[in-house]
Amino acid sequence: MVQCNPVRRPRATLLLVAVLLGITACGGGSSSSSSGASPVLQYVGNSTCPTEGTTPYNANGDGKPTAPAVNSQPPVGEAIAEMPHSHVSPPAKVMYNHNPPTSGCHYNLGFGVAPIQNGAYDGYIAVLYNCPSGCDPQFQQLRQWYKSLPPDPSGTVAYARVIIIPYTDMTVPFACVSWDWYDPIPVFSLDEVKRFYSNHVGHAPEPSGP
């Protein structure tokens, strides 16, 4: 499991993290089926996002969390220790145990007061990029790929469950995340993005928003 030291994020980054976690947590039905056992994870918190009084989304018989299922084996990416999924209110600040966050306390998007406008967001698998010198050719590939995707096959929402957003705190230029799953991409590969999407789409756990 990949872990990094907790880092206190500035407010602008926290708003992005709120969007990121709110979206990667959102789930809904999927027409795909998984095979094989999901990995068992640690359930960890800290003073800004404690585990006391909380439970993981998916727990085995010992109460330990298991990562959301995947659409095919072997899984694409790394399973990351799960933090609580409690909603917090602005201006709360949360320290995340993994960068970029793959779980943790987050603002409530679409179900009440939130730091962004309520509504539907094109998400659930997040593709992150960090390109200080620019990466327009790669970004255009991602845009074209997104436009080519069919709507959510479950019919829960009328768009593909992907969001492509900048995330400048990463140590890699590209990465894909879903709840409890992380796939760093040091050298851009649209094929790897497609593999992660196909492997994880439709299995994030939180109920869909409006």
N, C-alpha and C. Protein backbone atom coordinates (compact mmCIF):
# COMPACT_ATOMS: atom_id res chain seq x y z
N MET A 1 0.84 -1.18 0.00
CA MET A 1 0.00 0.00 0.00
C MET A 1 0.89 1.24 0.00
N VAL A 2 0.50 2.24 -0.77
CA VAL A 2 1.27 3.47 -0.83
C VAL A 2 0.72 4.44 0.20
N GLN A 3 1.58 4.98 1.00
CA GLN A 3 1.17 5.98 1.98
C GLN A 3 2.18 7.11 1.96
N CYS A 4 1.74 8.33 2.26
CA CYS A 4 2.67 9.43 2.44
C CYS A 4 2.32 10.12 3.73
N ASN A 5 3.21 10.95 4.22
CA ASN A 5 2.95 11.66 5.46
C ASN A 5 1.78 12.61 5.27
N PRO A 6 0.93 12.75 6.30
CA PRO A 6 -0.19 13.67 6.17
C PRO A 6 0.31 15.07 5.87
N VAL A 7 -0.40 15.76 4.96
CA VAL A 7 -0.04 17.12 4.57
C VAL A 7 -1.26 17.98 4.68
N ARG A 8 -1.15 19.13 5.32
CA ARG A 8 -2.28 20.06 5.41
C ARG A 8 -2.36 20.83 4.10
N ARG A 9 -3.51 20.76 3.43
CA ARG A 9 -3.67 21.36 2.13
C ARG A 9 -4.20 22.79 2.25
N PRO A 10 -3.77 23.71 1.41
CA PRO A 10 -4.36 25.04 1.38
C PRO A 10 -5.81 24.97 0.95
N ARG A 11 -6.58 26.04 1.22
CA ARG A 11 -8.02 26.01 0.98
C ARG A 11 -8.35 25.72 -0.48
N ALA A 12 -7.62 26.33 -1.42
CA ALA A 12 -7.92 26.10 -2.84
C ALA A 12 -7.78 24.63 -3.17
N THR A 13 -6.75 24.00 -2.64
CA THR A 13 -6.57 22.57 -2.90
C THR A 13 -7.65 21.77 -2.21
N LEU A 14 -8.07 22.18 -1.02
CA LEU A 14 -9.13 21.44 -0.32
C LEU A 14 -10.43 21.47 -1.09
N LEU A 15 -10.72 22.59 -1.77
CA LEU A 15 -11.94 22.63 -2.57
C LEU A 15 -11.85 21.61 -3.70
N LEU A 16 -10.67 21.51 -4.32
CA LEU A 16 -10.48 20.53 -5.37
C LEU A 16 -10.59 19.12 -4.80
N VAL A 17 -10.00 18.89 -3.62
CA VAL A 17 -10.09 17.57 -2.99
C VAL A 17 -11.54 17.24 -2.68
N ALA A 18 -12.32 18.24 -2.25
CA ALA A 18 -13.74 18.01 -1.99
C ALA A 18 -14.45 17.53 -3.24
N VAL A 19 -14.15 18.16 -4.37
CA VAL A 19 -14.74 17.73 -5.63
C VAL A 19 -14.26 16.33 -5.98
N LEU A 20 -12.95 16.12 -5.86
CA LEU A 20 -12.36 14.84 -6.22
C LEU A 20 -12.95 13.70 -5.41
N LEU A 21 -12.97 13.83 -4.08
CA LEU A 21 -13.47 12.75 -3.24
C LEU A 21 -14.97 12.61 -3.35
N GLY A 22 -15.68 13.73 -3.44
CA GLY A 22 -17.12 13.64 -3.59
C GLY A 22 -17.50 12.89 -4.85
N ILE A 23 -16.72 13.07 -5.91
CA ILE A 23 -17.02 12.42 -7.17
C ILE A 23 -16.55 10.98 -7.19
N THR A 24 -15.33 10.72 -6.72
CA THR A 24 -14.84 9.35 -6.76
C THR A 24 -15.58 8.46 -5.78
N ALA A 25 -16.22 9.08 -4.77
CA ALA A 25 -17.03 8.27 -3.84
C ALA A 25 -18.37 7.91 -4.45
N CYS A 26 -18.86 8.73 -5.38
CA CYS A 26 -20.19 8.50 -5.91
C CYS A 26 -20.23 7.25 -6.76
N GLY A 27 -21.24 6.45 -6.54
CA GLY A 27 -21.32 5.17 -7.22
C GLY A 27 -22.54 5.04 -8.08
N GLY A 28 -23.32 4.02 -7.79
CA GLY A 28 -24.45 3.70 -8.63
C GLY A 28 -24.26 2.33 -9.23
N GLY A 29 -25.28 1.85 -9.87
CA GLY A 29 -25.24 0.51 -10.42
C GLY A 29 -24.27 0.39 -11.58
N SER A 30 -23.85 -0.82 -11.84
CA SER A 30 -23.00 -1.10 -12.99
C SER A 30 -23.45 -2.41 -13.60
N SER A 31 -23.44 -2.45 -14.92
CA SER A 31 -23.84 -3.67 -15.59
C SER A 31 -22.71 -4.69 -15.62
N SER A 32 -21.50 -4.26 -15.22
CA SER A 32 -20.36 -5.17 -15.22
C SER A 32 -20.34 -5.97 -13.94
N SER A 33 -19.73 -7.13 -14.00
CA SER A 33 -19.59 -7.97 -12.81
C SER A 33 -18.12 -8.13 -12.47
N SER A 34 -17.82 -8.31 -11.20
CA SER A 34 -16.43 -8.48 -10.77
C SER A 34 -16.14 -9.95 -10.56
N SER A 35 -14.88 -10.27 -10.54
CA SER A 35 -14.48 -11.64 -10.26
C SER A 35 -13.28 -11.61 -9.34
N GLY A 36 -13.17 -12.60 -8.46
CA GLY A 36 -12.06 -12.62 -7.53
C GLY A 36 -12.36 -11.79 -6.30
N ALA A 37 -11.54 -12.00 -5.25
CA ALA A 37 -11.73 -11.30 -3.99
C ALA A 37 -11.10 -9.93 -4.04
N SER A 38 -11.76 -8.95 -3.40
CA SER A 38 -11.19 -7.62 -3.28
C SER A 38 -10.16 -7.60 -2.16
N PRO A 39 -9.09 -6.81 -2.30
CA PRO A 39 -8.08 -6.78 -1.25
C PRO A 39 -8.60 -6.18 0.05
N VAL A 40 -8.13 -6.73 1.17
CA VAL A 40 -8.47 -6.20 2.50
C VAL A 40 -7.53 -5.05 2.78
N LEU A 41 -8.07 -3.96 3.32
CA LEU A 41 -7.31 -2.73 3.55
C LEU A 41 -7.23 -2.41 5.03
N GLN A 42 -6.30 -1.54 5.39
CA GLN A 42 -6.31 -0.92 6.70
C GLN A 42 -7.39 0.16 6.71
N TYR A 43 -7.95 0.44 7.89
CA TYR A 43 -8.90 1.53 8.06
C TYR A 43 -8.24 2.54 8.97
N VAL A 44 -7.87 3.70 8.43
CA VAL A 44 -7.03 4.65 9.14
C VAL A 44 -7.67 6.03 9.14
N GLY A 45 -7.37 6.78 10.19
CA GLY A 45 -7.84 8.15 10.27
C GLY A 45 -6.78 9.02 10.91
N ASN A 46 -7.16 10.23 11.26
CA ASN A 46 -6.28 11.13 11.99
C ASN A 46 -7.16 12.13 12.73
N SER A 47 -6.55 13.12 13.34
CA SER A 47 -7.32 14.06 14.16
C SER A 47 -8.31 14.88 13.35
N THR A 48 -8.08 15.04 12.05
CA THR A 48 -8.99 15.81 11.21
C THR A 48 -10.06 14.94 10.56
N CYS A 49 -9.87 13.63 10.63
CA CYS A 49 -10.82 12.69 10.02
C CYS A 49 -10.76 11.39 10.81
N PRO A 50 -11.32 11.38 12.04
CA PRO A 50 -11.16 10.23 12.93
C PRO A 50 -12.03 9.04 12.53
N THR A 51 -11.57 7.86 12.91
CA THR A 51 -12.33 6.64 12.64
C THR A 51 -13.40 6.38 13.70
N GLU A 52 -13.27 6.98 14.89
CA GLU A 52 -14.22 6.72 15.96
C GLU A 52 -15.65 6.99 15.50
N GLY A 53 -16.53 6.01 15.74
CA GLY A 53 -17.93 6.16 15.39
C GLY A 53 -18.24 6.00 13.92
N THR A 54 -17.25 5.57 13.14
CA THR A 54 -17.46 5.40 11.71
C THR A 54 -17.19 3.95 11.31
N THR A 55 -17.65 3.59 10.15
CA THR A 55 -17.39 2.25 9.61
C THR A 55 -16.99 2.40 8.16
N PRO A 56 -16.17 1.47 7.66
CA PRO A 56 -15.81 1.53 6.24
C PRO A 56 -17.00 1.21 5.35
N TYR A 57 -16.89 1.58 4.09
CA TYR A 57 -17.98 1.30 3.15
C TYR A 57 -18.25 -0.19 3.01
N ASN A 58 -17.19 -0.96 2.76
CA ASN A 58 -17.34 -2.41 2.57
C ASN A 58 -16.46 -3.10 3.58
N ALA A 59 -17.04 -3.90 4.45
CA ALA A 59 -16.26 -4.56 5.49
C ALA A 59 -16.42 -6.08 5.39
N ASN A 60 -15.33 -6.79 5.68
CA ASN A 60 -15.42 -8.25 5.73
C ASN A 60 -15.89 -8.67 7.12
N GLY A 61 -15.83 -9.95 7.42
CA GLY A 61 -16.31 -10.45 8.70
C GLY A 61 -15.56 -9.92 9.90
N ASP A 62 -14.31 -9.48 9.70
CA ASP A 62 -13.53 -8.92 10.80
C ASP A 62 -13.74 -7.42 10.96
N GLY A 63 -14.60 -6.83 10.15
CA GLY A 63 -14.82 -5.40 10.21
C GLY A 63 -13.79 -4.59 9.47
N LYS A 64 -12.85 -5.26 8.81
CA LYS A 64 -11.83 -4.53 8.05
C LYS A 64 -12.37 -4.23 6.66
N PRO A 65 -11.99 -3.05 6.11
CA PRO A 65 -12.55 -2.67 4.81
C PRO A 65 -11.96 -3.49 3.67
N THR A 66 -12.74 -3.71 2.66
CA THR A 66 -12.25 -4.26 1.41
C THR A 66 -12.45 -3.21 0.33
N ALA A 67 -11.51 -3.16 -0.59
CA ALA A 67 -11.60 -2.18 -1.67
C ALA A 67 -12.81 -2.48 -2.55
N PRO A 68 -13.41 -1.45 -3.16
CA PRO A 68 -14.51 -1.71 -4.08
C PRO A 68 -14.11 -2.71 -5.15
N ALA A 69 -15.08 -3.47 -5.59
CA ALA A 69 -14.84 -4.51 -6.59
C ALA A 69 -14.34 -3.89 -7.89
N VAL A 70 -13.78 -4.73 -8.72
CA VAL A 70 -13.34 -4.31 -10.05
C VAL A 70 -14.11 -5.10 -11.09
N ASN A 71 -14.06 -4.61 -12.33
CA ASN A 71 -14.84 -5.24 -13.39
C ASN A 71 -14.16 -6.45 -14.00
N SER A 72 -12.87 -6.63 -13.75
CA SER A 72 -12.14 -7.78 -14.26
C SER A 72 -10.86 -7.94 -13.45
N GLN A 73 -10.30 -9.11 -13.48
CA GLN A 73 -9.05 -9.40 -12.78
C GLN A 73 -7.92 -9.52 -13.80
N PRO A 74 -6.68 -9.13 -13.45
CA PRO A 74 -6.27 -8.57 -12.17
C PRO A 74 -6.65 -7.10 -12.05
N PRO A 75 -6.72 -6.56 -10.82
CA PRO A 75 -7.05 -5.15 -10.65
C PRO A 75 -5.99 -4.25 -11.28
N VAL A 76 -6.43 -3.11 -11.77
CA VAL A 76 -5.53 -2.10 -12.32
C VAL A 76 -5.31 -1.04 -11.24
N GLY A 77 -4.05 -0.77 -10.90
CA GLY A 77 -3.73 0.21 -9.88
C GLY A 77 -3.45 -0.43 -8.53
N GLU A 78 -3.24 0.42 -7.53
CA GLU A 78 -2.90 -0.01 -6.18
C GLU A 78 -4.09 0.24 -5.25
N ALA A 79 -4.38 -0.72 -4.37
CA ALA A 79 -5.41 -0.53 -3.35
C ALA A 79 -4.79 0.23 -2.18
N ILE A 80 -5.43 1.31 -1.77
CA ILE A 80 -4.88 2.23 -0.76
C ILE A 80 -5.71 2.15 0.52
N ALA A 81 -5.05 2.19 1.67
CA ALA A 81 -5.74 2.17 2.96
C ALA A 81 -6.88 3.19 2.98
N GLU A 82 -8.02 2.78 3.53
CA GLU A 82 -9.22 3.61 3.49
C GLU A 82 -9.34 4.51 4.72
N MET A 83 -9.66 5.79 4.47
CA MET A 83 -10.01 6.73 5.53
C MET A 83 -11.53 6.83 5.62
N PRO A 84 -12.06 7.34 6.75
CA PRO A 84 -13.51 7.48 6.88
C PRO A 84 -14.09 8.36 5.79
N HIS A 85 -15.38 8.12 5.47
CA HIS A 85 -16.03 8.88 4.40
C HIS A 85 -17.00 9.92 4.95
N SER A 86 -16.80 10.37 6.19
CA SER A 86 -17.71 11.34 6.80
C SER A 86 -17.72 12.65 6.00
N HIS A 87 -18.91 13.28 5.95
CA HIS A 87 -19.02 14.60 5.34
C HIS A 87 -18.65 15.65 6.38
N VAL A 88 -17.91 16.65 5.96
CA VAL A 88 -17.54 17.77 6.82
C VAL A 88 -18.01 19.05 6.16
N SER A 89 -18.15 20.10 6.96
CA SER A 89 -18.66 21.37 6.44
C SER A 89 -17.53 22.39 6.31
N PRO A 90 -17.59 23.25 5.29
CA PRO A 90 -16.62 24.34 5.17
C PRO A 90 -16.67 25.20 6.42
N PRO A 91 -15.55 25.76 6.90
CA PRO A 91 -14.21 25.74 6.29
C PRO A 91 -13.31 24.65 6.87
N ALA A 92 -13.87 23.50 7.25
CA ALA A 92 -13.05 22.43 7.82
C ALA A 92 -11.90 22.06 6.89
N LYS A 93 -10.76 21.75 7.49
CA LYS A 93 -9.59 21.32 6.73
C LYS A 93 -9.26 19.89 7.13
N VAL A 94 -8.96 19.09 6.16
CA VAL A 94 -8.70 17.66 6.38
C VAL A 94 -7.28 17.34 5.92
N MET A 95 -6.57 16.55 6.72
CA MET A 95 -5.27 16.03 6.31
C MET A 95 -5.48 14.62 5.76
N TYR A 96 -5.00 14.39 4.56
CA TYR A 96 -5.20 13.08 3.91
C TYR A 96 -3.93 12.26 4.01
N ASN A 97 -4.09 10.96 4.18
CA ASN A 97 -2.95 10.07 4.36
C ASN A 97 -2.31 9.63 3.05
N HIS A 98 -2.97 9.94 1.96
CA HIS A 98 -2.41 9.60 0.65
C HIS A 98 -2.56 10.79 -0.28
N ASN A 99 -1.58 10.98 -1.15
CA ASN A 99 -1.59 12.08 -2.08
C ASN A 99 -1.38 11.54 -3.50
N PRO A 100 -2.39 11.68 -4.38
CA PRO A 100 -3.68 12.32 -4.18
C PRO A 100 -4.61 11.47 -3.33
N PRO A 101 -5.58 12.11 -2.67
CA PRO A 101 -6.50 11.35 -1.82
C PRO A 101 -7.31 10.34 -2.63
N THR A 102 -7.50 9.16 -2.04
CA THR A 102 -8.37 8.15 -2.64
C THR A 102 -9.54 7.82 -1.74
N SER A 103 -9.59 8.44 -0.57
CA SER A 103 -10.70 8.28 0.37
C SER A 103 -10.53 9.37 1.42
N GLY A 104 -11.48 9.46 2.32
CA GLY A 104 -11.35 10.43 3.41
C GLY A 104 -12.56 11.32 3.55
N CYS A 105 -12.60 12.04 4.66
CA CYS A 105 -13.68 13.00 4.93
C CYS A 105 -13.68 14.07 3.84
N HIS A 106 -14.88 14.51 3.45
CA HIS A 106 -14.96 15.46 2.35
C HIS A 106 -16.24 16.27 2.45
N TYR A 107 -16.25 17.40 1.74
CA TYR A 107 -17.44 18.24 1.69
C TYR A 107 -18.57 17.48 1.00
N ASN A 108 -19.78 17.86 1.36
CA ASN A 108 -20.98 17.20 0.87
C ASN A 108 -21.40 17.85 -0.44
N LEU A 109 -21.14 17.20 -1.57
CA LEU A 109 -21.43 17.77 -2.88
C LEU A 109 -22.80 17.35 -3.37
N GLY A 110 -23.68 18.32 -3.53
CA GLY A 110 -24.97 18.03 -4.13
C GLY A 110 -26.06 17.63 -3.15
N PHE A 111 -25.73 17.52 -1.87
CA PHE A 111 -26.73 17.08 -0.89
C PHE A 111 -26.92 18.13 0.21
N GLY A 112 -26.64 19.37 -0.08
CA GLY A 112 -26.76 20.41 0.93
C GLY A 112 -25.76 21.51 0.66
N VAL A 113 -25.33 22.19 1.71
CA VAL A 113 -24.38 23.28 1.55
C VAL A 113 -23.05 22.72 1.09
N ALA A 114 -22.49 23.28 0.04
CA ALA A 114 -21.21 22.83 -0.49
C ALA A 114 -20.46 24.04 -1.03
N PRO A 115 -19.16 23.93 -1.16
CA PRO A 115 -18.39 25.08 -1.65
C PRO A 115 -18.47 25.25 -3.16
N ILE A 116 -19.21 24.42 -3.87
CA ILE A 116 -19.44 24.60 -5.29
C ILE A 116 -20.93 24.48 -5.54
N GLN A 117 -21.36 24.93 -6.71
CA GLN A 117 -22.78 24.90 -7.03
C GLN A 117 -23.28 23.46 -7.13
N ASN A 118 -24.48 23.23 -6.60
CA ASN A 118 -25.09 21.91 -6.70
C ASN A 118 -25.32 21.56 -8.17
N GLY A 119 -25.33 20.27 -8.47
CA GLY A 119 -25.62 19.84 -9.82
C GLY A 119 -24.94 18.54 -10.15
N ALA A 120 -25.03 18.14 -11.41
CA ALA A 120 -24.43 16.90 -11.86
C ALA A 120 -23.05 17.18 -12.42
N TYR A 121 -22.11 16.37 -12.05
CA TYR A 121 -20.73 16.53 -12.50
C TYR A 121 -20.29 15.27 -13.23
N ASP A 122 -19.57 15.47 -14.34
CA ASP A 122 -19.17 14.35 -15.19
C ASP A 122 -18.05 13.58 -14.52
N GLY A 123 -18.39 12.64 -13.65
CA GLY A 123 -17.32 12.03 -12.91
C GLY A 123 -17.49 10.60 -12.49
N TYR A 124 -16.73 10.24 -11.51
CA TYR A 124 -16.68 8.98 -10.77
C TYR A 124 -15.34 8.27 -10.95
N ILE A 125 -14.72 8.29 -12.11
CA ILE A 125 -13.31 7.98 -12.23
C ILE A 125 -12.62 9.31 -12.47
N ALA A 126 -11.63 9.65 -11.68
CA ALA A 126 -10.93 10.92 -11.85
C ALA A 126 -9.58 10.69 -12.52
N VAL A 127 -9.34 11.43 -13.58
CA VAL A 127 -8.04 11.44 -14.25
C VAL A 127 -7.39 12.78 -13.90
N LEU A 128 -6.24 12.71 -13.21
CA LEU A 128 -5.57 13.91 -12.72
C LEU A 128 -4.33 14.19 -13.54
N TYR A 129 -4.02 15.48 -13.70
CA TYR A 129 -2.79 15.82 -14.41
C TYR A 129 -2.09 16.98 -13.72
N ASN A 130 -0.76 16.95 -13.78
CA ASN A 130 0.09 17.96 -13.16
C ASN A 130 1.19 18.28 -14.17
N CYS A 131 1.00 19.35 -14.93
CA CYS A 131 1.88 19.66 -16.06
C CYS A 131 2.37 21.11 -15.96
N PRO A 132 3.39 21.39 -15.13
CA PRO A 132 3.88 22.78 -15.01
C PRO A 132 4.34 23.37 -16.34
N SER A 133 4.87 22.52 -17.22
CA SER A 133 5.36 23.00 -18.52
C SER A 133 4.33 22.83 -19.63
N GLY A 134 3.13 22.41 -19.27
CA GLY A 134 2.09 22.22 -20.27
C GLY A 134 2.05 20.80 -20.80
N CYS A 135 0.85 20.34 -21.13
CA CYS A 135 0.69 18.99 -21.70
C CYS A 135 -0.55 18.98 -22.58
N ASP A 136 -0.66 19.99 -23.44
CA ASP A 136 -1.86 20.11 -24.26
C ASP A 136 -2.09 18.89 -25.16
N PRO A 137 -1.05 18.31 -25.79
CA PRO A 137 -1.33 17.13 -26.63
C PRO A 137 -1.98 15.99 -25.85
N GLN A 138 -1.47 15.73 -24.63
CA GLN A 138 -2.03 14.67 -23.81
C GLN A 138 -3.45 15.01 -23.37
N PHE A 139 -3.64 16.29 -22.99
CA PHE A 139 -4.97 16.72 -22.55
C PHE A 139 -5.98 16.59 -23.68
N GLN A 140 -5.58 16.91 -24.89
CA GLN A 140 -6.50 16.78 -26.02
C GLN A 140 -6.84 15.31 -26.28
N GLN A 141 -5.87 14.42 -26.07
CA GLN A 141 -6.17 12.99 -26.19
C GLN A 141 -7.22 12.57 -25.17
N LEU A 142 -7.07 13.09 -23.93
CA LEU A 142 -8.04 12.76 -22.89
C LEU A 142 -9.41 13.32 -23.23
N ARG A 143 -9.44 14.54 -23.75
CA ARG A 143 -10.72 15.13 -24.14
C ARG A 143 -11.41 14.31 -25.21
N GLN A 144 -10.67 13.92 -26.22
CA GLN A 144 -11.26 13.14 -27.31
C GLN A 144 -11.73 11.78 -26.82
N TRP A 145 -10.95 11.18 -25.93
CA TRP A 145 -11.37 9.89 -25.35
C TRP A 145 -12.66 10.06 -24.57
N TYR A 146 -12.73 11.12 -23.74
CA TYR A 146 -13.94 11.33 -22.96
C TYR A 146 -15.15 11.51 -23.86
N LYS A 147 -14.98 12.29 -24.93
CA LYS A 147 -16.10 12.53 -25.85
C LYS A 147 -16.55 11.25 -26.53
N SER A 148 -15.65 10.28 -26.66
CA SER A 148 -16.00 9.03 -27.35
C SER A 148 -16.72 8.04 -26.45
N LEU A 149 -16.74 8.29 -25.13
CA LEU A 149 -17.32 7.33 -24.21
C LEU A 149 -18.85 7.34 -24.28
N PRO A 150 -19.48 6.18 -24.18
CA PRO A 150 -20.94 6.15 -24.11
C PRO A 150 -21.41 6.60 -22.73
N PRO A 151 -22.67 6.97 -22.60
CA PRO A 151 -23.21 7.31 -21.28
C PRO A 151 -23.10 6.12 -20.32
N ASP A 152 -23.24 6.40 -19.05
CA ASP A 152 -23.23 5.38 -18.01
C ASP A 152 -24.14 4.22 -18.42
N PRO A 153 -23.59 3.01 -18.55
CA PRO A 153 -24.41 1.90 -19.04
C PRO A 153 -25.56 1.50 -18.12
N SER A 154 -25.46 1.87 -16.83
CA SER A 154 -26.55 1.52 -15.92
C SER A 154 -27.77 2.41 -16.13
N GLY A 155 -27.58 3.55 -16.82
CA GLY A 155 -28.67 4.47 -17.01
C GLY A 155 -28.93 5.38 -15.83
N THR A 156 -28.10 5.27 -14.77
CA THR A 156 -28.29 6.10 -13.59
C THR A 156 -28.08 7.57 -13.91
N VAL A 157 -27.07 7.86 -14.72
CA VAL A 157 -26.81 9.22 -15.18
C VAL A 157 -26.64 9.18 -16.69
N ALA A 158 -26.80 10.34 -17.33
CA ALA A 158 -26.80 10.40 -18.79
C ALA A 158 -25.45 10.80 -19.37
N TYR A 159 -24.37 10.48 -18.67
CA TYR A 159 -23.04 10.83 -19.13
C TYR A 159 -22.05 9.79 -18.64
N ALA A 160 -20.86 9.81 -19.21
CA ALA A 160 -19.81 8.88 -18.78
C ALA A 160 -19.29 9.29 -17.42
N ARG A 161 -18.93 8.30 -16.60
CA ARG A 161 -18.51 8.56 -15.22
C ARG A 161 -17.00 8.85 -15.17
N VAL A 162 -16.61 10.00 -15.71
CA VAL A 162 -15.21 10.41 -15.75
C VAL A 162 -15.12 11.90 -15.49
N ILE A 163 -14.09 12.32 -14.75
CA ILE A 163 -13.76 13.73 -14.64
C ILE A 163 -12.26 13.86 -14.85
N ILE A 164 -11.85 14.85 -15.61
CA ILE A 164 -10.44 15.11 -15.92
C ILE A 164 -10.11 16.49 -15.37
N ILE A 165 -9.26 16.53 -14.34
CA ILE A 165 -9.00 17.79 -13.64
C ILE A 165 -7.53 17.92 -13.29
N PRO A 166 -7.03 19.16 -13.18
CA PRO A 166 -5.64 19.35 -12.74
C PRO A 166 -5.50 19.10 -11.25
N TYR A 167 -4.37 18.57 -10.85
CA TYR A 167 -4.06 18.36 -9.43
C TYR A 167 -2.56 18.55 -9.26
N THR A 168 -2.17 19.73 -8.81
CA THR A 168 -0.76 20.14 -8.85
C THR A 168 0.08 19.63 -7.68
N ASP A 169 -0.53 18.94 -6.72
CA ASP A 169 0.24 18.43 -5.57
C ASP A 169 0.85 17.06 -5.83
N MET A 170 0.61 16.48 -6.99
CA MET A 170 1.12 15.14 -7.26
C MET A 170 2.62 15.17 -7.58
N THR A 171 3.27 14.04 -7.35
CA THR A 171 4.68 13.89 -7.74
C THR A 171 4.81 13.23 -9.10
N VAL A 172 3.70 12.79 -9.69
CA VAL A 172 3.70 12.22 -11.04
C VAL A 172 2.86 13.14 -11.93
N PRO A 173 3.11 13.14 -13.24
CA PRO A 173 2.36 14.05 -14.11
C PRO A 173 0.92 13.63 -14.36
N PHE A 174 0.63 12.32 -14.26
CA PHE A 174 -0.72 11.83 -14.51
C PHE A 174 -1.05 10.73 -13.51
N ALA A 175 -2.32 10.62 -13.17
CA ALA A 175 -2.77 9.54 -12.28
C ALA A 175 -4.26 9.36 -12.45
N CYS A 176 -4.73 8.16 -12.15
CA CYS A 176 -6.16 7.88 -12.12
C CYS A 176 -6.53 7.45 -10.70
N VAL A 177 -7.68 7.89 -10.22
CA VAL A 177 -8.14 7.49 -8.89
C VAL A 177 -9.62 7.17 -8.92
N SER A 178 -9.99 6.23 -8.09
CA SER A 178 -11.36 5.95 -7.71
C SER A 178 -11.31 5.62 -6.23
N TRP A 179 -12.45 5.41 -5.59
CA TRP A 179 -12.44 5.20 -4.14
C TRP A 179 -11.57 3.99 -3.78
N ASP A 180 -10.52 4.23 -2.99
CA ASP A 180 -9.57 3.22 -2.50
C ASP A 180 -8.58 2.74 -3.56
N TRP A 181 -8.63 3.27 -4.78
CA TRP A 181 -7.75 2.80 -5.84
C TRP A 181 -6.94 3.96 -6.44
N TYR A 182 -5.69 3.69 -6.75
CA TYR A 182 -4.77 4.72 -7.27
C TYR A 182 -3.86 4.10 -8.33
N ASP A 183 -3.71 4.78 -9.45
CA ASP A 183 -2.84 4.31 -10.52
C ASP A 183 -1.97 5.47 -11.00
N PRO A 184 -0.72 5.58 -10.52
CA PRO A 184 0.17 6.64 -11.00
C PRO A 184 0.63 6.34 -12.42
N ILE A 185 0.74 7.40 -13.24
CA ILE A 185 1.15 7.23 -14.64
C ILE A 185 2.32 8.19 -14.89
N PRO A 186 3.56 7.76 -14.63
CA PRO A 186 4.72 8.65 -14.79
C PRO A 186 4.92 9.12 -16.22
N VAL A 187 4.64 8.26 -17.19
CA VAL A 187 4.71 8.61 -18.60
C VAL A 187 3.31 8.43 -19.18
N PHE A 188 2.77 9.49 -19.77
CA PHE A 188 1.37 9.46 -20.20
C PHE A 188 1.08 8.27 -21.11
N SER A 189 0.00 7.59 -20.80
CA SER A 189 -0.47 6.47 -21.61
C SER A 189 -1.98 6.47 -21.60
N LEU A 190 -2.59 6.82 -22.73
CA LEU A 190 -4.04 6.78 -22.80
C LEU A 190 -4.55 5.36 -22.62
N ASP A 191 -3.77 4.38 -23.07
CA ASP A 191 -4.17 2.99 -22.88
C ASP A 191 -4.28 2.64 -21.40
N GLU A 192 -3.37 3.18 -20.56
CA GLU A 192 -3.44 2.91 -19.13
C GLU A 192 -4.67 3.58 -18.51
N VAL A 193 -4.97 4.80 -18.95
CA VAL A 193 -6.18 5.48 -18.47
C VAL A 193 -7.41 4.64 -18.82
N LYS A 194 -7.45 4.13 -20.05
CA LYS A 194 -8.58 3.30 -20.47
C LYS A 194 -8.68 2.03 -19.64
N ARG A 195 -7.52 1.42 -19.33
CA ARG A 195 -7.51 0.20 -18.52
C ARG A 195 -8.09 0.47 -17.14
N PHE A 196 -7.67 1.57 -16.51
CA PHE A 196 -8.18 1.90 -15.18
C PHE A 196 -9.68 2.16 -15.22
N TYR A 197 -10.10 2.94 -16.20
CA TYR A 197 -11.53 3.24 -16.33
C TYR A 197 -12.35 1.96 -16.49
N SER A 198 -11.95 1.10 -17.41
CA SER A 198 -12.69 -0.12 -17.65
C SER A 198 -12.71 -1.04 -16.44
N ASN A 199 -11.64 -0.99 -15.65
CA ASN A 199 -11.51 -1.87 -14.50
C ASN A 199 -12.34 -1.40 -13.30
N HIS A 200 -12.54 -0.09 -13.16
CA HIS A 200 -13.13 0.44 -11.92
C HIS A 200 -14.46 1.16 -12.09
N VAL A 201 -14.83 1.55 -13.29
CA VAL A 201 -16.04 2.37 -13.44
C VAL A 201 -17.26 1.62 -12.90
N GLY A 202 -18.11 2.38 -12.18
CA GLY A 202 -19.35 1.83 -11.67
C GLY A 202 -19.27 1.18 -10.31
N HIS A 203 -18.08 1.17 -9.67
CA HIS A 203 -17.96 0.47 -8.41
C HIS A 203 -17.64 1.35 -7.21
N ALA A 204 -17.56 2.67 -7.39
CA ALA A 204 -17.38 3.53 -6.23
C ALA A 204 -18.65 3.49 -5.39
N PRO A 205 -18.53 3.65 -4.06
CA PRO A 205 -19.63 3.22 -3.19
C PRO A 205 -20.71 4.22 -2.85
N GLU A 206 -20.47 5.52 -2.90
CA GLU A 206 -21.46 6.46 -2.37
C GLU A 206 -22.62 6.64 -3.35
N PRO A 207 -23.85 6.76 -2.85
CA PRO A 207 -24.99 6.92 -3.76
C PRO A 207 -24.82 8.13 -4.67
N SER A 208 -25.37 8.02 -5.86
CA SER A 208 -25.22 9.08 -6.85
C SER A 208 -25.95 10.34 -6.41
N GLY A 209 -25.40 11.49 -6.80
CA GLY A 209 -26.02 12.78 -6.52
C GLY A 209 -26.99 13.16 -7.62
N PRO A 210 -27.45 14.43 -7.62
CA PRO A 210 -28.44 14.85 -8.61
C PRO A 210 -27.82 14.93 -9.99
